[in-house]
Amino acid sequence: MSSTSMKRRGAFLFATAALVTVGLMGGTAQAVPNSGSLWVGYGKSNAYNSVKCVQKISNDLHYQTGYHTIDVDGSFGPDTYGAIVAIQTWAGLDKDGVVGPRTGDVMIEATKDYYGCYPYLPTLK
């Protein structure tokens, strides 16, 4: 048997053993809080996708919060800040205008993550 064949066979056996081990351990990924996602608000990084998610969700919830719809442009400004405060008021949270894990949870749960924002907003779940 050539050395290339032996390397391929070894790699195959290693991969097979890894799959069997994962299968024996239950084979399911453990959910971890998304607290590593960037926070949104004045003084925060305000990543484009995170801000855009906040804007989409705030527009989706504007009837509940009483805040007007805002532009979905991925740029953080006074309208986005006001929408965050309106969501926090509606949800009974501290009104700091920052989307941290608690506000992120409310936003994701209220919209059933319709926009796929879980990777972009901090959460406790």
C-alpha atoms as a PDB file:
ATOM      1  CA  MET A   1       0.000   0.000   0.000  1.00  0.00           C
ATOM      2  CA  SER A   2       1.398   3.418  -0.974  1.00  0.00           C
ATOM      3  CA  SER A   3       1.932   6.163   1.591  1.00  0.00           C
ATOM      4  CA  THR A   4      -0.790   8.272  -0.069  1.00  0.00           C
ATOM      5  CA  SER A   5      -3.284   5.408   0.284  1.00  0.00           C
ATOM      6  CA  MET A   6      -2.324   4.949   3.919  1.00  0.00           C
ATOM      7  CA  LYS A   7      -2.812   8.668   4.626  1.00  0.00           C
ATOM      8  CA  ARG A   8      -6.233   8.645   2.975  1.00  0.00           C
ATOM      9  CA  ARG A   9      -7.246   5.523   4.879  1.00  0.00           C
ATOM     10  CA  GLY A  10      -6.036   7.066   8.156  1.00  0.00           C
ATOM     11  CA  ALA A  11      -7.981  10.256   7.467  1.00  0.00           C
ATOM     12  CA  PHE A  12     -11.099   8.230   6.661  1.00  0.00           C
ATOM     13  CA  LEU A  13     -10.798   6.199   9.855  1.00  0.00           C
ATOM     14  CA  PHE A  14     -10.251   9.354  11.930  1.00  0.00           C
ATOM     15  CA  ALA A  15     -13.319  11.035  10.395  1.00  0.00           C
ATOM     16  CA  THR A  16     -15.410   7.909  10.960  1.00  0.00           C
ATOM     17  CA  ALA A  17     -14.322   7.717  14.599  1.00  0.00           C
ATOM     18  CA  ALA A  18     -15.186  11.396  15.076  1.00  0.00           C
ATOM     19  CA  LEU A  19     -18.675  10.902  13.633  1.00  0.00           C
ATOM     20  CA  VAL A  20     -19.281   7.865  15.837  1.00  0.00           C
ATOM     21  CA  THR A  21     -18.121   9.806  18.902  1.00  0.00           C
ATOM     22  CA  VAL A  22     -20.473  12.706  18.110  1.00  0.00           C
ATOM     23  CA  GLY A  23     -23.317  10.240  17.558  1.00  0.00           C
ATOM     24  CA  LEU A  24     -22.700   8.602  20.920  1.00  0.00           C
ATOM     25  CA  MET A  25     -22.712  12.001  22.638  1.00  0.00           C
ATOM     26  CA  GLY A  26     -26.202  12.766  21.427  1.00  0.00           C
ATOM     27  CA  GLY A  27     -25.251  14.408  18.157  1.00  0.00           C
ATOM     28  CA  THR A  28     -26.919  17.712  18.932  1.00  0.00           C
ATOM     29  CA  ALA A  29     -25.325  21.102  19.226  1.00  0.00           C
ATOM     30  CA  GLN A  30     -25.729  22.916  22.513  1.00  0.00           C
ATOM     31  CA  ALA A  31     -27.317  26.343  22.304  1.00  0.00           C
ATOM     32  CA  VAL A  32     -25.236  29.105  23.792  1.00  0.00           C
ATOM     33  CA  PRO A  33     -26.230  32.696  24.397  1.00  0.00           C
ATOM     34  CA  ASN A  34     -25.433  35.013  21.537  1.00  0.00           C
ATOM     35  CA  SER A  35     -23.818  37.483  23.906  1.00  0.00           C
ATOM     36  CA  GLY A  36     -20.812  37.816  21.609  1.00  0.00           C
ATOM     37  CA  SER A  37     -22.841  39.727  19.034  1.00  0.00           C
ATOM     38  CA  LEU A  38     -22.219  43.419  18.793  1.00  0.00           C
ATOM     39  CA  TRP A  39     -24.416  45.740  20.804  1.00  0.00           C
ATOM     40  CA  VAL A  40     -26.239  48.574  19.060  1.00  0.00           C
ATOM     41  CA  GLY A  41     -26.490  52.109  20.433  1.00  0.00           C
ATOM     42  CA  TYR A  42     -24.591  55.340  20.886  1.00  0.00           C
ATOM     43  CA  GLY A  43     -20.986  54.555  21.805  1.00  0.00           C
ATOM     44  CA  LYS A  44     -21.240  50.985  20.440  1.00  0.00           C
ATOM     45  CA  SER A  45     -19.764  49.533  17.256  1.00  0.00           C
ATOM     46  CA  ASN A  46     -23.093  49.715  15.389  1.00  0.00           C
ATOM     47  CA  ALA A  47     -22.248  47.126  12.756  1.00  0.00           C
ATOM     48  CA  TYR A  48     -24.243  47.545   9.554  1.00  0.00           C
ATOM     49  CA  ASN A  49     -26.147  44.225   9.754  1.00  0.00           C
ATOM     50  CA  SER A  50     -26.914  44.686  13.453  1.00  0.00           C
ATOM     51  CA  VAL A  51     -28.331  48.181  12.929  1.00  0.00           C
ATOM     52  CA  LYS A  52     -30.275  47.033   9.888  1.00  0.00           C
ATOM     53  CA  CYS A  53     -31.858  44.250  11.953  1.00  0.00           C
ATOM     54  CA  VAL A  54     -32.816  46.695  14.697  1.00  0.00           C
ATOM     55  CA  GLN A  55     -34.410  48.968  12.093  1.00  0.00           C
ATOM     56  CA  LYS A  56     -36.367  46.140  10.433  1.00  0.00           C
ATOM     57  CA  ILE A  57     -37.610  44.792  13.748  1.00  0.00           C
ATOM     58  CA  SER A  58     -38.551  48.236  15.058  1.00  0.00           C
ATOM     59  CA  ASN A  59     -40.588  48.846  11.907  1.00  0.00           C
ATOM     60  CA  ASP A  60     -42.258  45.464  12.384  1.00  0.00           C
ATOM     61  CA  LEU A  61     -43.181  46.407  15.973  1.00  0.00           C
ATOM     62  CA  HIS A  62     -44.114  50.044  15.364  1.00  0.00           C
ATOM     63  CA  TYR A  63     -47.830  49.434  15.944  1.00  0.00           C
ATOM     64  CA  GLN A  64     -47.100  47.915  19.365  1.00  0.00           C
ATOM     65  CA  THR A  65     -44.509  50.501  20.395  1.00  0.00           C
ATOM     66  CA  GLY A  66     -46.232  53.575  18.978  1.00  0.00           C
ATOM     67  CA  TYR A  67     -43.008  54.721  17.287  1.00  0.00           C
ATOM     68  CA  HIS A  68     -43.076  55.702  13.632  1.00  0.00           C
ATOM     69  CA  THR A  69     -41.401  53.600  10.953  1.00  0.00           C
ATOM     70  CA  ILE A  70     -37.781  54.451  10.213  1.00  0.00           C
ATOM     71  CA  ASP A  71     -35.434  54.095   7.261  1.00  0.00           C
ATOM     72  CA  VAL A  72     -33.721  50.719   7.000  1.00  0.00           C
ATOM     73  CA  ASP A  73     -30.303  51.926   5.943  1.00  0.00           C
ATOM     74  CA  GLY A  74     -27.946  50.219   8.418  1.00  0.00           C
ATOM     75  CA  SER A  75     -26.860  53.577   9.813  1.00  0.00           C
ATOM     76  CA  PHE A  76     -27.393  54.318  13.514  1.00  0.00           C
ATOM     77  CA  GLY A  77     -28.906  57.698  14.297  1.00  0.00           C
ATOM     78  CA  PRO A  78     -31.592  59.475  16.318  1.00  0.00           C
ATOM     79  CA  ASP A  79     -34.489  57.566  14.709  1.00  0.00           C
ATOM     80  CA  THR A  80     -32.902  54.194  15.457  1.00  0.00           C
ATOM     81  CA  TYR A  81     -32.168  55.313  19.013  1.00  0.00           C
ATOM     82  CA  GLY A  82     -35.792  56.456  19.456  1.00  0.00           C
ATOM     83  CA  ALA A  83     -37.084  53.158  18.094  1.00  0.00           C
ATOM     84  CA  ILE A  84     -34.918  51.212  20.555  1.00  0.00           C
ATOM     85  CA  VAL A  85     -36.186  53.292  23.478  1.00  0.00           C
ATOM     86  CA  ALA A  86     -39.779  52.752  22.292  1.00  0.00           C
ATOM     87  CA  ILE A  87     -39.230  48.968  22.184  1.00  0.00           C
ATOM     88  CA  GLN A  88     -37.644  49.043  25.647  1.00  0.00           C
ATOM     89  CA  THR A  89     -40.559  51.068  27.017  1.00  0.00           C
ATOM     90  CA  TRP A  90     -43.077  48.675  25.436  1.00  0.00           C
ATOM     91  CA  ALA A  91     -41.216  45.671  26.878  1.00  0.00           C
ATOM     92  CA  GLY A  92     -40.782  47.171  30.364  1.00  0.00           C
ATOM     93  CA  LEU A  93     -36.978  47.280  30.132  1.00  0.00           C
ATOM     94  CA  ASP A  94     -34.544  49.984  31.188  1.00  0.00           C
ATOM     95  CA  LYS A  95     -34.701  52.751  28.593  1.00  0.00           C
ATOM     96  CA  ASP A  96     -31.034  53.204  27.765  1.00  0.00           C
ATOM     97  CA  GLY A  97     -31.343  53.152  23.957  1.00  0.00           C
ATOM     98  CA  VAL A  98     -28.866  50.284  23.657  1.00  0.00           C
ATOM     99  CA  VAL A  99     -29.656  46.844  22.243  1.00  0.00           C
ATOM    100  CA  GLY A 100     -27.951  44.492  24.675  1.00  0.00           C
ATOM    101  CA  PRO A 101     -28.909  40.878  25.426  1.00  0.00           C
ATOM    102  CA  ARG A 102     -32.240  41.627  27.167  1.00  0.00           C
ATOM    103  CA  THR A 103     -33.465  43.993  24.452  1.00  0.00           C
ATOM    104  CA  GLY A 104     -32.149  41.602  21.805  1.00  0.00           C
ATOM    105  CA  ASP A 105     -34.179  38.777  23.343  1.00  0.00           C
ATOM    106  CA  VAL A 106     -37.356  40.857  23.226  1.00  0.00           C
ATOM    107  CA  MET A 107     -36.757  41.820  19.602  1.00  0.00           C
ATOM    108  CA  ILE A 108     -36.009  38.274  18.442  1.00  0.00           C
ATOM    109  CA  GLU A 109     -38.920  36.741  20.359  1.00  0.00           C
ATOM    110  CA  ALA A 110     -41.456  39.406  19.334  1.00  0.00           C
ATOM    111  CA  THR A 111     -40.770  38.788  15.645  1.00  0.00           C
ATOM    112  CA  LYS A 112     -40.025  35.047  15.927  1.00  0.00           C
ATOM    113  CA  ASP A 113     -36.708  35.982  14.251  1.00  0.00           C
ATOM    114  CA  TYR A 114     -38.551  36.511  10.977  1.00  0.00           C
ATOM    115  CA  TYR A 115     -35.600  38.500   9.594  1.00  0.00           C
ATOM    116  CA  GLY A 116     -32.880  36.035  10.654  1.00  0.00           C
ATOM    117  CA  CYS A 117     -31.322  38.557  13.021  1.00  0.00           C
ATOM    118  CA  TYR A 118     -30.196  36.144  15.749  1.00  0.00           C
ATOM    119  CA  PRO A 119     -26.566  36.180  14.547  1.00  0.00           C
ATOM    120  CA  TYR A 120     -26.493  39.987  14.596  1.00  0.00           C
ATOM    121  CA  LEU A 121     -28.155  40.851  17.912  1.00  0.00           C
ATOM    122  CA  PRO A 122     -26.940  39.988  21.399  1.00  0.00           C
ATOM    123  CA  THR A 123     -29.254  37.652  23.310  1.00  0.00           C
ATOM    124  CA  LEU A 124     -29.377  35.652  26.523  1.00  0.00           C
ATOM    125  CA  LYS A 125     -30.790  32.596  24.741  1.00  0.00           C
END
